[in-house]
Amino acid sequence: MNDERRNKRLRLLIKRLNNERKKQAKQIDILCNDFISAQKDFIKKLSVIAFAADFYEGISGLTDLNELLNASANLIRDQIPDVTIDFFLLQGSNFELHIFESDRLIDLEDKRIENFFTDELVNEIAKSNRICVIDDMLAMGLGAPPLCLEKISAVTAPLATNNCSVGFVLIYRCSQKPISSDELKAIAQISSGLARSIAACRDLINIA
């Protein structure tokens, strides 16, 4: 009897130990996953900060508007590949458009999204002073046909300084590779600084 009790107690003890090990293993897995996730988020944040530093270094000292926009487009494309970049800059009640096309062309059947940006739509997007996706643009009056829109992933990012809009940047590429939230964060990181540089270039033009 004593041996049977000892064996029973031993089996219970082993069972408890195994259960404790399983619980500890689960806790370790959760901690490891949390650590890996936090590490990935930290690396992404560092990447955005590094991009912003490289961007501002790349446009530092540029006083010609066309050179500034060209350098900005190239730096953005280094961070967000295969995109077409359009700068819509407010000019009174109108706007001026600067297009920097992607090397990877999108078949839009000659119906480029830029062709459907009216003065009213540009002013609405600029006035919103926020990142807009295609649904936002449609709500503001974008009249592009579905055949054009279904082929692209597009966003606009505001260009504003001291809550005063100088315009916005339209970024788009093939819908098979949607623009990600991390890529949007990178653009948001540099948009206000770029707006100040654009405003400074325009001030120099007006002085000259």
N, C-alpha and C. Protein backbone atom coordinates (compact mmCIF):
# COMPACT_ATOMS: atom_id res chain seq x y z
N MET A 1 0.81 -1.20 0.00
CA MET A 1 0.00 0.00 0.00
C MET A 1 0.85 1.26 0.00
N ASN A 2 1.89 1.25 0.82
CA ASN A 2 2.75 2.42 0.89
C ASN A 2 3.39 2.71 -0.46
N ASP A 3 3.84 1.62 -1.12
CA ASP A 3 4.45 1.79 -2.44
C ASP A 3 3.45 2.34 -3.45
N GLU A 4 2.21 1.87 -3.37
CA GLU A 4 1.17 2.33 -4.30
C GLU A 4 0.87 3.81 -4.07
N ARG A 5 0.81 4.22 -2.77
CA ARG A 5 0.57 5.63 -2.47
C ARG A 5 1.72 6.50 -2.94
N ARG A 6 2.94 6.00 -2.69
CA ARG A 6 4.12 6.77 -3.13
C ARG A 6 4.12 6.94 -4.66
N ASN A 7 3.79 5.86 -5.36
CA ASN A 7 3.75 5.93 -6.82
C ASN A 7 2.67 6.90 -7.31
N LYS A 8 1.52 6.86 -6.63
CA LYS A 8 0.42 7.77 -7.01
C LYS A 8 0.82 9.22 -6.77
N ARG A 9 1.42 9.46 -5.61
CA ARG A 9 1.87 10.83 -5.29
C ARG A 9 2.96 11.27 -6.27
N LEU A 10 3.82 10.32 -6.65
CA LEU A 10 4.89 10.64 -7.60
C LEU A 10 4.32 11.00 -8.97
N ARG A 11 3.30 10.23 -9.38
CA ARG A 11 2.67 10.52 -10.68
C ARG A 11 1.99 11.89 -10.67
N LEU A 12 1.33 12.21 -9.55
CA LEU A 12 0.69 13.52 -9.43
C LEU A 12 1.71 14.65 -9.46
N LEU A 13 2.82 14.39 -8.77
CA LEU A 13 3.89 15.40 -8.75
C LEU A 13 4.47 15.62 -10.13
N ILE A 14 4.69 14.52 -10.87
CA ILE A 14 5.23 14.62 -12.24
C ILE A 14 4.23 15.35 -13.14
N LYS A 15 2.94 15.06 -12.96
CA LYS A 15 1.90 15.71 -13.76
C LYS A 15 1.89 17.22 -13.51
N ARG A 16 2.00 17.58 -12.22
CA ARG A 16 2.03 19.01 -11.87
C ARG A 16 3.25 19.70 -12.46
N LEU A 17 4.39 19.00 -12.38
CA LEU A 17 5.61 19.57 -12.94
C LEU A 17 5.49 19.78 -14.44
N ASN A 18 4.90 18.79 -15.12
CA ASN A 18 4.71 18.92 -16.57
C ASN A 18 3.78 20.07 -16.92
N ASN A 19 2.69 20.22 -16.12
CA ASN A 19 1.77 21.34 -16.34
C ASN A 19 2.46 22.68 -16.13
N GLU A 20 3.30 22.75 -15.07
CA GLU A 20 4.04 23.98 -14.81
C GLU A 20 5.00 24.30 -15.94
N ARG A 21 5.65 23.25 -16.47
CA ARG A 21 6.58 23.46 -17.58
C ARG A 21 5.85 23.98 -18.82
N LYS A 22 4.66 23.41 -19.06
CA LYS A 22 3.88 23.87 -20.21
C LYS A 22 3.48 25.33 -20.05
N LYS A 23 3.04 25.69 -18.82
CA LYS A 23 2.68 27.09 -18.57
C LYS A 23 3.86 28.02 -18.76
N GLN A 24 5.02 27.60 -18.23
CA GLN A 24 6.24 28.41 -18.38
C GLN A 24 6.64 28.55 -19.84
N ALA A 25 6.50 27.43 -20.59
CA ALA A 25 6.84 27.46 -22.01
C ALA A 25 5.95 28.44 -22.77
N LYS A 26 4.63 28.45 -22.42
CA LYS A 26 3.70 29.39 -23.06
C LYS A 26 4.07 30.83 -22.71
N GLN A 27 4.39 31.06 -21.45
CA GLN A 27 4.76 32.41 -21.01
C GLN A 27 6.03 32.89 -21.71
N ILE A 28 6.99 31.96 -21.86
CA ILE A 28 8.23 32.31 -22.56
C ILE A 28 7.95 32.63 -24.02
N ASP A 29 7.07 31.84 -24.65
CA ASP A 29 6.71 32.10 -26.05
C ASP A 29 6.07 33.48 -26.20
N ILE A 30 5.16 33.80 -25.27
CA ILE A 30 4.49 35.11 -25.32
C ILE A 30 5.51 36.23 -25.14
N LEU A 31 6.41 36.08 -24.18
CA LEU A 31 7.44 37.10 -23.94
C LEU A 31 8.35 37.26 -25.15
N CYS A 32 8.72 36.12 -25.75
CA CYS A 32 9.59 36.17 -26.93
C CYS A 32 8.90 36.86 -28.10
N ASN A 33 7.61 36.50 -28.30
CA ASN A 33 6.85 37.13 -29.39
C ASN A 33 6.69 38.62 -29.16
N ASP A 34 6.42 39.01 -27.90
CA ASP A 34 6.30 40.44 -27.57
C ASP A 34 7.62 41.16 -27.82
N PHE A 35 8.71 40.51 -27.44
CA PHE A 35 10.02 41.11 -27.63
C PHE A 35 10.34 41.28 -29.11
N ILE A 36 10.05 40.25 -29.89
CA ILE A 36 10.31 40.31 -31.34
C ILE A 36 9.46 41.39 -31.99
N SER A 37 8.18 41.47 -31.57
CA SER A 37 7.29 42.48 -32.11
C SER A 37 7.77 43.89 -31.77
N ALA A 38 8.18 44.07 -30.50
CA ALA A 38 8.69 45.38 -30.07
C ALA A 38 9.97 45.74 -30.82
N GLN A 39 10.80 44.73 -31.06
CA GLN A 39 12.05 44.97 -31.78
C GLN A 39 11.77 45.38 -33.23
N LYS A 40 10.80 44.72 -33.85
CA LYS A 40 10.43 45.07 -35.23
C LYS A 40 9.89 46.48 -35.31
N ASP A 41 9.03 46.85 -34.34
CA ASP A 41 8.48 48.21 -34.31
C ASP A 41 9.60 49.24 -34.12
N PHE A 42 10.56 48.92 -33.26
CA PHE A 42 11.68 49.82 -33.01
C PHE A 42 12.52 50.00 -34.27
N ILE A 43 12.76 48.91 -34.99
CA ILE A 43 13.54 48.98 -36.23
C ILE A 43 12.81 49.82 -37.27
N LYS A 44 11.47 49.66 -37.34
CA LYS A 44 10.69 50.46 -38.29
C LYS A 44 10.79 51.94 -37.95
N LYS A 45 10.70 52.26 -36.66
CA LYS A 45 10.80 53.67 -36.25
C LYS A 45 12.18 54.23 -36.57
N LEU A 46 13.21 53.43 -36.35
CA LEU A 46 14.57 53.86 -36.70
C LEU A 46 14.70 54.10 -38.19
N SER A 47 14.05 53.24 -38.98
CA SER A 47 14.10 53.39 -40.44
C SER A 47 13.47 54.70 -40.87
N VAL A 48 12.34 55.06 -40.25
CA VAL A 48 11.67 56.32 -40.57
C VAL A 48 12.54 57.51 -40.18
N ILE A 49 13.15 57.43 -39.00
CA ILE A 49 14.03 58.52 -38.54
C ILE A 49 15.24 58.66 -39.46
N ALA A 50 15.81 57.52 -39.87
CA ALA A 50 16.97 57.54 -40.77
C ALA A 50 16.59 58.14 -42.12
N PHE A 51 15.39 57.79 -42.61
CA PHE A 51 14.92 58.36 -43.87
C PHE A 51 14.78 59.86 -43.77
N ALA A 52 14.17 60.33 -42.68
CA ALA A 52 13.99 61.77 -42.49
C ALA A 52 15.34 62.49 -42.45
N ALA A 53 16.30 61.90 -41.75
CA ALA A 53 17.64 62.51 -41.66
C ALA A 53 18.29 62.58 -43.03
N ASP A 54 18.20 61.48 -43.80
CA ASP A 54 18.77 61.45 -45.15
C ASP A 54 18.05 62.44 -46.07
N PHE A 55 16.73 62.53 -45.89
CA PHE A 55 15.94 63.43 -46.73
C PHE A 55 16.36 64.88 -46.52
N TYR A 56 16.40 65.30 -45.25
CA TYR A 56 16.74 66.69 -44.97
C TYR A 56 18.18 67.02 -45.37
N GLU A 57 19.05 66.03 -45.22
CA GLU A 57 20.43 66.25 -45.69
C GLU A 57 20.46 66.40 -47.21
N GLY A 58 19.61 65.62 -47.90
CA GLY A 58 19.59 65.66 -49.36
C GLY A 58 19.04 66.94 -49.94
N ILE A 59 18.12 67.61 -49.23
CA ILE A 59 17.55 68.85 -49.76
C ILE A 59 18.17 70.09 -49.14
N SER A 60 19.08 69.89 -48.20
CA SER A 60 19.71 71.02 -47.52
C SER A 60 20.42 71.93 -48.51
N GLY A 61 20.17 73.22 -48.41
CA GLY A 61 20.87 74.20 -49.24
C GLY A 61 20.26 74.42 -50.62
N LEU A 62 19.23 73.66 -51.00
CA LEU A 62 18.62 73.84 -52.32
C LEU A 62 17.67 75.03 -52.28
N THR A 63 17.88 75.97 -53.19
CA THR A 63 17.06 77.18 -53.21
C THR A 63 16.25 77.31 -54.50
N ASP A 64 16.51 76.44 -55.47
CA ASP A 64 15.73 76.43 -56.70
C ASP A 64 14.58 75.44 -56.54
N LEU A 65 13.35 75.89 -56.82
CA LEU A 65 12.18 75.06 -56.58
C LEU A 65 12.22 73.76 -57.37
N ASN A 66 12.56 73.83 -58.64
CA ASN A 66 12.59 72.61 -59.47
C ASN A 66 13.64 71.62 -58.96
N GLU A 67 14.79 72.14 -58.57
CA GLU A 67 15.84 71.26 -58.02
C GLU A 67 15.37 70.63 -56.71
N LEU A 68 14.69 71.41 -55.88
CA LEU A 68 14.19 70.90 -54.61
C LEU A 68 13.18 69.78 -54.83
N LEU A 69 12.24 70.00 -55.75
CA LEU A 69 11.21 68.98 -55.99
C LEU A 69 11.81 67.73 -56.62
N ASN A 70 12.76 67.92 -57.53
CA ASN A 70 13.41 66.77 -58.17
C ASN A 70 14.18 65.94 -57.14
N ALA A 71 14.94 66.61 -56.28
CA ALA A 71 15.69 65.91 -55.24
C ALA A 71 14.74 65.21 -54.27
N SER A 72 13.65 65.89 -53.91
CA SER A 72 12.67 65.31 -52.99
C SER A 72 12.04 64.06 -53.58
N ALA A 73 11.67 64.13 -54.86
CA ALA A 73 11.05 62.97 -55.51
C ALA A 73 12.00 61.78 -55.54
N ASN A 74 13.26 62.03 -55.85
CA ASN A 74 14.25 60.93 -55.89
C ASN A 74 14.44 60.31 -54.51
N LEU A 75 14.49 61.15 -53.47
CA LEU A 75 14.68 60.64 -52.11
C LEU A 75 13.45 59.85 -51.64
N ILE A 76 12.27 60.33 -51.99
CA ILE A 76 11.05 59.61 -51.62
C ILE A 76 11.00 58.26 -52.34
N ARG A 77 11.40 58.25 -53.60
CA ARG A 77 11.38 56.98 -54.35
C ARG A 77 12.41 55.99 -53.83
N ASP A 78 13.48 56.49 -53.22
CA ASP A 78 14.43 55.57 -52.58
C ASP A 78 13.78 54.84 -51.42
N GLN A 79 12.87 55.53 -50.74
CA GLN A 79 12.19 54.95 -49.59
C GLN A 79 10.94 54.17 -50.01
N ILE A 80 10.24 54.68 -51.02
CA ILE A 80 9.00 54.05 -51.49
C ILE A 80 9.17 53.77 -52.98
N PRO A 81 9.63 52.60 -53.34
CA PRO A 81 9.98 52.32 -54.73
C PRO A 81 8.77 52.23 -55.67
N ASP A 82 9.05 52.48 -56.95
CA ASP A 82 8.09 52.27 -58.04
C ASP A 82 6.89 53.19 -57.99
N VAL A 83 7.03 54.37 -57.36
CA VAL A 83 5.89 55.29 -57.28
C VAL A 83 6.07 56.45 -58.25
N THR A 84 4.93 56.96 -58.71
CA THR A 84 4.89 58.24 -59.40
C THR A 84 4.56 59.30 -58.36
N ILE A 85 5.26 60.42 -58.42
CA ILE A 85 5.11 61.46 -57.41
C ILE A 85 4.70 62.76 -58.10
N ASP A 86 3.58 63.33 -57.66
CA ASP A 86 3.09 64.60 -58.20
C ASP A 86 3.01 65.61 -57.08
N PHE A 87 3.59 66.77 -57.31
CA PHE A 87 3.48 67.87 -56.35
C PHE A 87 2.42 68.84 -56.87
N PHE A 88 1.35 69.01 -56.11
CA PHE A 88 0.32 69.99 -56.42
C PHE A 88 0.57 71.19 -55.50
N LEU A 89 1.04 72.29 -56.09
CA LEU A 89 1.37 73.47 -55.30
C LEU A 89 0.34 74.57 -55.58
N LEU A 90 -0.24 75.09 -54.51
CA LEU A 90 -1.26 76.11 -54.66
C LEU A 90 -0.68 77.38 -55.26
N GLN A 91 -1.45 77.97 -56.16
CA GLN A 91 -1.04 79.21 -56.81
C GLN A 91 -2.28 80.09 -56.89
N GLY A 92 -2.55 80.82 -55.79
CA GLY A 92 -3.79 81.58 -55.72
C GLY A 92 -4.96 80.61 -55.66
N SER A 93 -5.94 80.80 -56.54
CA SER A 93 -7.08 79.89 -56.61
C SER A 93 -6.80 78.72 -57.55
N ASN A 94 -5.64 78.74 -58.20
CA ASN A 94 -5.24 77.68 -59.12
C ASN A 94 -4.13 76.85 -58.49
N PHE A 95 -3.46 76.03 -59.29
CA PHE A 95 -2.34 75.25 -58.80
C PHE A 95 -1.35 74.98 -59.93
N GLU A 96 -0.13 74.68 -59.54
CA GLU A 96 0.86 74.23 -60.50
C GLU A 96 1.22 72.78 -60.18
N LEU A 97 1.42 71.99 -61.21
CA LEU A 97 1.63 70.55 -61.06
C LEU A 97 3.02 70.17 -61.54
N HIS A 98 3.74 69.44 -60.68
CA HIS A 98 5.07 68.92 -61.02
C HIS A 98 5.02 67.40 -60.92
N ILE A 99 5.25 66.71 -62.05
CA ILE A 99 5.12 65.25 -62.10
C ILE A 99 6.49 64.60 -62.23
N PHE A 100 6.73 63.59 -61.40
CA PHE A 100 7.95 62.78 -61.46
C PHE A 100 7.52 61.32 -61.59
N GLU A 101 7.61 60.80 -62.80
CA GLU A 101 7.05 59.49 -63.09
C GLU A 101 7.93 58.35 -62.61
N SER A 102 7.26 57.25 -62.29
CA SER A 102 7.96 56.02 -61.91
C SER A 102 8.62 55.41 -63.14
N ASP A 103 9.73 54.73 -62.93
CA ASP A 103 10.36 53.99 -64.02
C ASP A 103 9.49 52.81 -64.44
N ARG A 104 8.65 52.35 -63.53
CA ARG A 104 7.76 51.23 -63.82
C ARG A 104 6.39 51.80 -64.16
N LEU A 105 6.08 51.84 -65.45
CA LEU A 105 4.87 52.49 -65.92
C LEU A 105 3.63 51.68 -65.55
N ILE A 106 2.54 52.39 -65.29
CA ILE A 106 1.26 51.77 -65.01
C ILE A 106 0.36 51.99 -66.22
N ASP A 107 -0.25 50.92 -66.72
CA ASP A 107 -1.14 51.03 -67.87
C ASP A 107 -2.48 51.61 -67.43
N LEU A 108 -2.66 52.90 -67.69
CA LEU A 108 -3.90 53.57 -67.31
C LEU A 108 -4.75 53.92 -68.53
N GLU A 109 -4.36 53.40 -69.70
CA GLU A 109 -5.08 53.66 -70.93
C GLU A 109 -5.27 55.16 -71.16
N ASP A 110 -4.17 55.88 -70.96
CA ASP A 110 -4.13 57.34 -71.18
C ASP A 110 -5.07 58.11 -70.24
N LYS A 111 -5.56 57.45 -69.19
CA LYS A 111 -6.42 58.14 -68.23
C LYS A 111 -5.69 58.24 -66.90
N ARG A 112 -4.74 59.15 -66.85
CA ARG A 112 -3.95 59.33 -65.63
C ARG A 112 -4.81 60.00 -64.57
N ILE A 113 -4.58 59.61 -63.33
CA ILE A 113 -5.39 60.15 -62.24
C ILE A 113 -5.22 61.67 -62.13
N GLU A 114 -4.03 62.18 -62.48
CA GLU A 114 -3.79 63.63 -62.39
C GLU A 114 -4.76 64.42 -63.27
N ASN A 115 -5.18 63.81 -64.38
CA ASN A 115 -6.04 64.52 -65.32
C ASN A 115 -7.40 64.87 -64.73
N PHE A 116 -7.74 64.24 -63.62
CA PHE A 116 -9.06 64.43 -63.03
C PHE A 116 -9.01 65.31 -61.78
N PHE A 117 -7.85 65.93 -61.54
CA PHE A 117 -7.72 66.83 -60.40
C PHE A 117 -8.08 68.25 -60.84
N THR A 118 -9.26 68.69 -60.46
CA THR A 118 -9.72 70.04 -60.79
C THR A 118 -9.21 71.03 -59.74
N ASP A 119 -9.36 72.32 -60.03
CA ASP A 119 -8.98 73.35 -59.05
C ASP A 119 -9.74 73.14 -57.74
N GLU A 120 -11.02 72.81 -57.86
CA GLU A 120 -11.84 72.63 -56.66
C GLU A 120 -11.36 71.45 -55.83
N LEU A 121 -11.04 70.33 -56.50
CA LEU A 121 -10.57 69.15 -55.78
C LEU A 121 -9.23 69.41 -55.11
N VAL A 122 -8.32 70.07 -55.83
CA VAL A 122 -7.00 70.38 -55.27
C VAL A 122 -7.16 71.24 -54.02
N ASN A 123 -8.02 72.23 -54.09
CA ASN A 123 -8.22 73.11 -52.93
C ASN A 123 -8.85 72.36 -51.76
N GLU A 124 -9.77 71.44 -52.05
CA GLU A 124 -10.40 70.65 -51.00
C GLU A 124 -9.37 69.76 -50.29
N ILE A 125 -8.53 69.09 -51.08
CA ILE A 125 -7.51 68.21 -50.49
C ILE A 125 -6.52 69.02 -49.68
N ALA A 126 -6.07 70.15 -50.24
CA ALA A 126 -5.11 71.00 -49.52
C ALA A 126 -5.71 71.53 -48.23
N LYS A 127 -6.99 71.91 -48.29
CA LYS A 127 -7.67 72.47 -47.12
C LYS A 127 -7.84 71.42 -46.01
N SER A 128 -7.97 70.16 -46.39
CA SER A 128 -8.17 69.10 -45.40
C SER A 128 -6.94 68.92 -44.51
N ASN A 129 -5.76 69.22 -45.06
CA ASN A 129 -4.50 69.16 -44.32
C ASN A 129 -4.31 67.81 -43.60
N ARG A 130 -4.60 66.72 -44.32
CA ARG A 130 -4.42 65.38 -43.77
C ARG A 130 -4.11 64.41 -44.89
N ILE A 131 -3.65 63.24 -44.54
CA ILE A 131 -3.42 62.20 -45.53
C ILE A 131 -4.77 61.72 -46.06
N CYS A 132 -4.89 61.63 -47.38
CA CYS A 132 -6.13 61.19 -48.01
C CYS A 132 -5.88 59.96 -48.88
N VAL A 133 -6.77 58.99 -48.77
CA VAL A 133 -6.74 57.83 -49.66
C VAL A 133 -7.77 58.06 -50.76
N ILE A 134 -7.88 57.11 -51.69
CA ILE A 134 -8.76 57.31 -52.85
C ILE A 134 -10.21 57.56 -52.43
N ASP A 135 -10.70 56.83 -51.40
CA ASP A 135 -12.08 57.05 -50.95
C ASP A 135 -12.30 58.49 -50.48
N ASP A 136 -11.28 59.06 -49.82
CA ASP A 136 -11.39 60.46 -49.38
C ASP A 136 -11.45 61.39 -50.59
N MET A 137 -10.60 61.10 -51.59
CA MET A 137 -10.57 61.94 -52.79
C MET A 137 -11.90 61.87 -53.55
N LEU A 138 -12.49 60.67 -53.61
CA LEU A 138 -13.79 60.52 -54.27
C LEU A 138 -14.85 61.33 -53.54
N ALA A 139 -14.80 61.31 -52.20
CA ALA A 139 -15.77 62.07 -51.41
C ALA A 139 -15.61 63.58 -51.63
N MET A 140 -14.40 64.00 -51.99
CA MET A 140 -14.15 65.42 -52.23
C MET A 140 -14.41 65.83 -53.67
N GLY A 141 -14.78 64.86 -54.52
CA GLY A 141 -15.15 65.22 -55.88
C GLY A 141 -14.29 64.65 -56.99
N LEU A 142 -13.37 63.75 -56.67
CA LEU A 142 -12.55 63.13 -57.73
C LEU A 142 -13.46 62.37 -58.69
N GLY A 143 -13.33 62.68 -59.99
CA GLY A 143 -14.20 62.06 -60.99
C GLY A 143 -13.51 61.07 -61.89
N ALA A 144 -12.44 60.46 -61.42
CA ALA A 144 -11.71 59.48 -62.23
C ALA A 144 -12.55 58.21 -62.41
N PRO A 145 -12.49 57.58 -63.60
CA PRO A 145 -13.28 56.36 -63.83
C PRO A 145 -12.75 55.18 -63.02
N PRO A 146 -13.63 54.24 -62.66
CA PRO A 146 -13.21 53.06 -61.89
C PRO A 146 -12.06 52.29 -62.54
N LEU A 147 -12.04 52.22 -63.86
CA LEU A 147 -11.00 51.48 -64.56
C LEU A 147 -9.62 52.05 -64.27
N CYS A 148 -9.56 53.36 -64.08
CA CYS A 148 -8.30 54.03 -63.74
C CYS A 148 -7.94 53.77 -62.27
N LEU A 149 -8.92 53.93 -61.38
CA LEU A 149 -8.65 53.85 -59.95
C LEU A 149 -8.34 52.43 -59.48
N GLU A 150 -8.93 51.43 -60.11
CA GLU A 150 -8.72 50.06 -59.65
C GLU A 150 -7.32 49.55 -59.95
N LYS A 151 -6.59 50.27 -60.80
CA LYS A 151 -5.24 49.84 -61.16
C LYS A 151 -4.15 50.44 -60.29
N ILE A 152 -4.53 51.37 -59.40
CA ILE A 152 -3.50 52.06 -58.62
C ILE A 152 -3.82 52.07 -57.13
N SER A 153 -2.76 52.22 -56.34
CA SER A 153 -2.86 52.54 -54.92
C SER A 153 -2.34 53.97 -54.79
N ALA A 154 -3.18 54.86 -54.30
CA ALA A 154 -2.82 56.28 -54.30
C ALA A 154 -3.15 56.94 -52.97
N VAL A 155 -2.30 57.88 -52.57
CA VAL A 155 -2.53 58.68 -51.36
C VAL A 155 -2.04 60.10 -51.62
N THR A 156 -2.58 61.03 -50.88
CA THR A 156 -2.04 62.39 -50.87
C THR A 156 -1.56 62.70 -49.46
N ALA A 157 -0.48 63.45 -49.36
CA ALA A 157 0.05 63.89 -48.07
C ALA A 157 0.15 65.40 -48.08
N PRO A 158 -0.30 66.06 -47.01
CA PRO A 158 -0.33 67.53 -47.00
C PRO A 158 1.06 68.15 -46.95
N LEU A 159 1.16 69.31 -47.56
CA LEU A 159 2.37 70.13 -47.47
C LEU A 159 1.94 71.44 -46.83
N ALA A 160 2.14 71.55 -45.53
CA ALA A 160 1.67 72.73 -44.81
C ALA A 160 2.71 73.16 -43.80
N THR A 161 2.80 74.47 -43.60
CA THR A 161 3.70 75.03 -42.60
C THR A 161 2.92 76.05 -41.78
N ASN A 162 2.98 75.91 -40.46
CA ASN A 162 2.22 76.77 -39.55
C ASN A 162 0.73 76.80 -39.91
N ASN A 163 0.20 75.59 -40.22
CA ASN A 163 -1.20 75.41 -40.60
C ASN A 163 -1.59 76.16 -41.86
N CYS A 164 -0.60 76.58 -42.62
CA CYS A 164 -0.85 77.24 -43.90
C CYS A 164 -0.42 76.30 -45.02
N SER A 165 -1.36 75.86 -45.84
CA SER A 165 -1.08 74.86 -46.87
C SER A 165 -0.39 75.49 -48.08
N VAL A 166 0.66 74.83 -48.56
CA VAL A 166 1.27 75.22 -49.83
C VAL A 166 0.87 74.22 -50.91
N GLY A 167 0.12 73.17 -50.53
CA GLY A 167 -0.33 72.17 -51.48
C GLY A 167 -0.26 70.78 -50.87
N PHE A 168 0.01 69.81 -51.71
CA PHE A 168 0.13 68.42 -51.24
C PHE A 168 0.90 67.61 -52.27
N VAL A 169 1.30 66.42 -51.87
CA VAL A 169 1.99 65.51 -52.77
C VAL A 169 1.10 64.29 -52.99
N LEU A 170 0.92 63.92 -54.25
CA LEU A 170 0.17 62.72 -54.62
C LEU A 170 1.18 61.63 -54.96
N ILE A 171 1.02 60.47 -54.33
CA ILE A 171 1.93 59.35 -54.54
C ILE A 171 1.09 58.14 -54.94
N TYR A 172 1.45 57.51 -56.06
CA TYR A 172 0.69 56.31 -56.44
C TYR A 172 1.58 55.31 -57.18
N ARG A 173 1.13 54.07 -57.14
CA ARG A 173 1.79 52.98 -57.88
C ARG A 173 0.76 51.88 -58.14
N CYS A 174 1.21 50.79 -58.74
CA CYS A 174 0.33 49.69 -59.11
C CYS A 174 -0.42 49.14 -57.89
N SER A 175 -1.69 48.86 -58.05
CA SER A 175 -2.51 48.38 -56.95
C SER A 175 -2.06 47.02 -56.42
N GLN A 176 -1.27 46.30 -57.21
CA GLN A 176 -0.77 45.01 -56.74
C GLN A 176 0.23 45.17 -55.59
N LYS A 177 0.74 46.39 -55.42
CA LYS A 177 1.66 46.67 -54.32
C LYS A 177 1.17 47.92 -53.60
N PRO A 178 0.15 47.78 -52.76
CA PRO A 178 -0.44 48.96 -52.09
C PRO A 178 0.59 49.72 -51.25
N ILE A 179 0.41 51.01 -51.18
CA ILE A 179 1.26 51.84 -50.33
C ILE A 179 0.94 51.51 -48.87
N SER A 180 1.97 51.17 -48.11
CA SER A 180 1.79 50.66 -46.75
C SER A 180 1.71 51.80 -45.72
N SER A 181 1.23 51.44 -44.52
CA SER A 181 1.15 52.42 -43.44
C SER A 181 2.55 52.89 -43.02
N ASP A 182 3.54 51.99 -43.07
CA ASP A 182 4.91 52.39 -42.73
C ASP A 182 5.45 53.40 -43.73
N GLU A 183 5.11 53.22 -45.00
CA GLU A 183 5.56 54.16 -46.03
C GLU A 183 4.88 55.51 -45.83
N LEU A 184 3.62 55.48 -45.42
CA LEU A 184 2.92 56.74 -45.13
C LEU A 184 3.54 57.47 -43.95
N LYS A 185 3.96 56.71 -42.95
CA LYS A 185 4.60 57.32 -41.78
C LYS A 185 5.89 58.02 -42.20
N ALA A 186 6.62 57.42 -43.13
CA ALA A 186 7.86 58.04 -43.61
C ALA A 186 7.57 59.37 -44.29
N ILE A 187 6.50 59.41 -45.10
CA ILE A 187 6.13 60.66 -45.78
C ILE A 187 5.66 61.70 -44.77
N ALA A 188 4.87 61.27 -43.81
CA ALA A 188 4.39 62.20 -42.79
C ALA A 188 5.54 62.82 -42.01
N GLN A 189 6.63 62.08 -41.87
CA GLN A 189 7.79 62.54 -41.10
C GLN A 189 8.49 63.73 -41.78
N ILE A 190 8.41 63.80 -43.11
CA ILE A 190 9.17 64.84 -43.83
C ILE A 190 8.29 65.91 -44.48
N SER A 191 6.98 65.75 -44.41
CA SER A 191 6.10 66.64 -45.17
C SER A 191 6.16 68.09 -44.71
N SER A 192 6.19 68.32 -43.39
CA SER A 192 6.21 69.71 -42.91
C SER A 192 7.53 70.40 -43.25
N GLY A 193 8.64 69.67 -43.12
CA GLY A 193 9.94 70.24 -43.48
C GLY A 193 10.03 70.55 -44.96
N LEU A 194 9.47 69.66 -45.79
CA LEU A 194 9.45 69.91 -47.23
C LEU A 194 8.60 71.12 -47.55
N ALA A 195 7.47 71.27 -46.86
CA ALA A 195 6.60 72.43 -47.08
C ALA A 195 7.34 73.73 -46.77
N ARG A 196 8.11 73.75 -45.68
CA ARG A 196 8.88 74.95 -45.34
C ARG A 196 9.92 75.26 -46.42
N SER A 197 10.56 74.23 -46.95
CA SER A 197 11.57 74.44 -47.99
C SER A 197 10.93 74.97 -49.27
N ILE A 198 9.74 74.44 -49.61
CA ILE A 198 9.03 74.92 -50.79
C ILE A 198 8.65 76.40 -50.61
N ALA A 199 8.13 76.72 -49.44
CA ALA A 199 7.74 78.12 -49.16
C ALA A 199 8.96 79.04 -49.23
N ALA A 200 10.11 78.57 -48.74
CA ALA A 200 11.33 79.38 -48.77
C ALA A 200 11.78 79.62 -50.20
N CYS A 201 11.71 78.59 -51.05
CA CYS A 201 12.09 78.74 -52.46
C CYS A 201 11.18 79.75 -53.16
N ARG A 202 9.90 79.68 -52.86
CA ARG A 202 8.97 80.60 -53.49
C ARG A 202 9.20 82.04 -53.02
N ASP A 203 9.58 82.21 -51.76
CA ASP A 203 9.88 83.55 -51.25
C ASP A 203 11.07 84.13 -51.99
N LEU A 204 12.07 83.30 -52.25
CA LEU A 204 13.26 83.76 -52.98
C LEU A 204 12.89 84.16 -54.41
N ILE A 205 11.98 83.39 -55.03
CA ILE A 205 11.53 83.73 -56.39
C ILE A 205 10.84 85.08 -56.38
N ASN A 206 9.99 85.31 -55.38
CA ASN A 206 9.26 86.59 -55.30
C ASN A 206 10.19 87.77 -55.05
N ILE A 207 11.22 87.55 -54.26
CA ILE A 207 12.21 88.61 -54.00
C ILE A 207 12.97 88.96 -55.26
N ALA A 208 13.37 87.90 -56.01
CA ALA A 208 14.11 88.11 -57.26
C ALA A 208 13.23 88.80 -58.30
